[in-house]
Protein backbone atom coordinates (compact mmCIF):
# COMPACT_ATOMS: atom_id res chain seq x y z
CA MET A 1 -0.10 0.13 -0.08
CA LYS A 2 0.93 3.63 -0.61
CA LEU A 3 0.88 6.40 1.80
CA GLN A 4 0.41 9.67 -0.01
CA THR A 5 0.57 12.77 1.78
CA LYS A 6 -1.15 16.31 -0.05
CA LYS A 7 0.20 19.25 0.22
CA VAL A 8 -0.72 23.03 -0.24
CA ASP A 9 1.09 23.74 -2.87
CA LEU A 10 1.43 27.95 -2.06
CA GLN A 11 4.01 29.35 -4.98
CA LYS A 12 0.42 28.09 -6.89
CA ILE A 13 -1.57 30.17 -5.25
CA LYS A 14 0.30 32.82 -5.21
CA TYR A 15 0.48 32.68 -9.20
CA LEU A 16 -3.05 32.67 -9.67
CA ARG A 17 -3.55 35.29 -7.08
CA LYS A 18 -0.99 37.05 -8.60
CA GLN A 19 -2.51 35.16 -12.84
CA ALA A 20 -5.90 37.70 -11.02
CA LYS A 21 -4.78 40.61 -10.52
CA LEU A 22 -5.20 40.66 -6.94
CA SER A 23 -3.80 41.88 -4.24
CA LEU A 24 -2.95 40.94 -1.41
CA GLU A 25 -5.69 42.89 0.57
CA GLU A 26 -8.04 41.66 -2.04
CA MET A 27 -7.50 38.00 -1.47
CA ALA A 28 -7.58 38.85 2.58
CA LYS A 29 -10.74 40.41 1.71
CA LEU A 30 -12.16 37.75 -0.42
CA LEU A 31 -11.86 34.80 2.56
CA GLY A 32 -13.03 36.89 5.31
CA TYR A 33 -9.82 37.95 6.64
CA GLU A 34 -9.61 41.48 8.17
CA SER A 35 -6.14 43.17 7.53
CA ALA A 36 -4.18 41.03 4.48
CA ASN A 37 -1.25 39.67 6.91
CA GLY A 38 -3.33 37.04 8.24
CA TYR A 39 -3.67 35.88 4.30
CA TYR A 40 -0.08 36.67 3.19
CA TYR A 41 0.88 34.37 6.53
CA LEU A 42 -0.98 31.27 4.74
CA GLU A 43 0.62 32.36 1.47
CA ILE A 44 4.25 32.18 2.91
CA GLY A 45 3.74 28.93 4.89
CA ARG A 46 3.71 30.09 8.24
CA GLY A 47 0.05 29.17 8.57
CA LYS A 48 -1.71 26.92 7.65
CA PHE A 49 -4.73 27.40 5.08
CA SER A 50 -7.27 26.08 6.89
CA ALA A 51 -9.77 23.21 4.34
CA GLU A 52 -12.81 26.27 4.35
CA THR A 53 -10.24 28.76 3.33
CA LEU A 54 -8.79 26.21 -0.18
CA ALA A 55 -11.78 25.19 -0.46
CA LEU A 56 -12.69 29.29 -0.91
CA VAL A 57 -9.48 30.03 -3.21
CA ALA A 58 -10.15 26.66 -5.65
CA GLU A 59 -13.86 28.92 -6.21
CA ILE A 60 -11.94 32.37 -6.30
CA PHE A 61 -9.95 30.76 -9.00
CA ASP A 62 -12.81 28.73 -10.57
CA ILE A 63 -10.13 25.36 -10.50
CA PRO A 64 -10.55 22.30 -8.73
CA ILE A 65 -9.62 21.80 -5.17
CA ASN A 66 -7.14 19.19 -5.80
CA ASP A 67 -5.33 21.25 -7.96
CA LEU A 68 -4.17 23.63 -5.44
CA PHE A 69 -2.50 20.12 -3.75
CA PHE A 70 0.87 18.22 -4.79
CA GLU A 71 1.89 14.79 -3.66
CA ASP A 72 4.10 13.49 -2.48
CA LYS A 73 4.82 9.62 -1.74
CA ILE A 74 6.02 9.41 1.77
CA ALA A 75 6.13 5.52 2.52
CA GLU A 76 5.26 2.08 0.69
CA MET A 77 4.13 -0.50 3.13
CA ALA A 78 4.17 -4.10 1.85
CA THR A 79 1.04 -5.83 2.83
CA ASN A 80 1.02 -8.57 4.02
């Protein structure tokens, strides 16, 4: 059995935000933050995106939520 972990692709989120010409402040407001700092910390990895926030990000950019992740194989286990 292969175990995989999904990690948020922070660079992709930043790229999508810039492609949409959204400032940190605009993105923060769309996600319900009072200031850009809260969102900025998520984008640089200082905080973690909640499932709800990721769903909103996917909706903002009109993409499947899975497109916000990349997968790393973390282990392979043999089954007996």
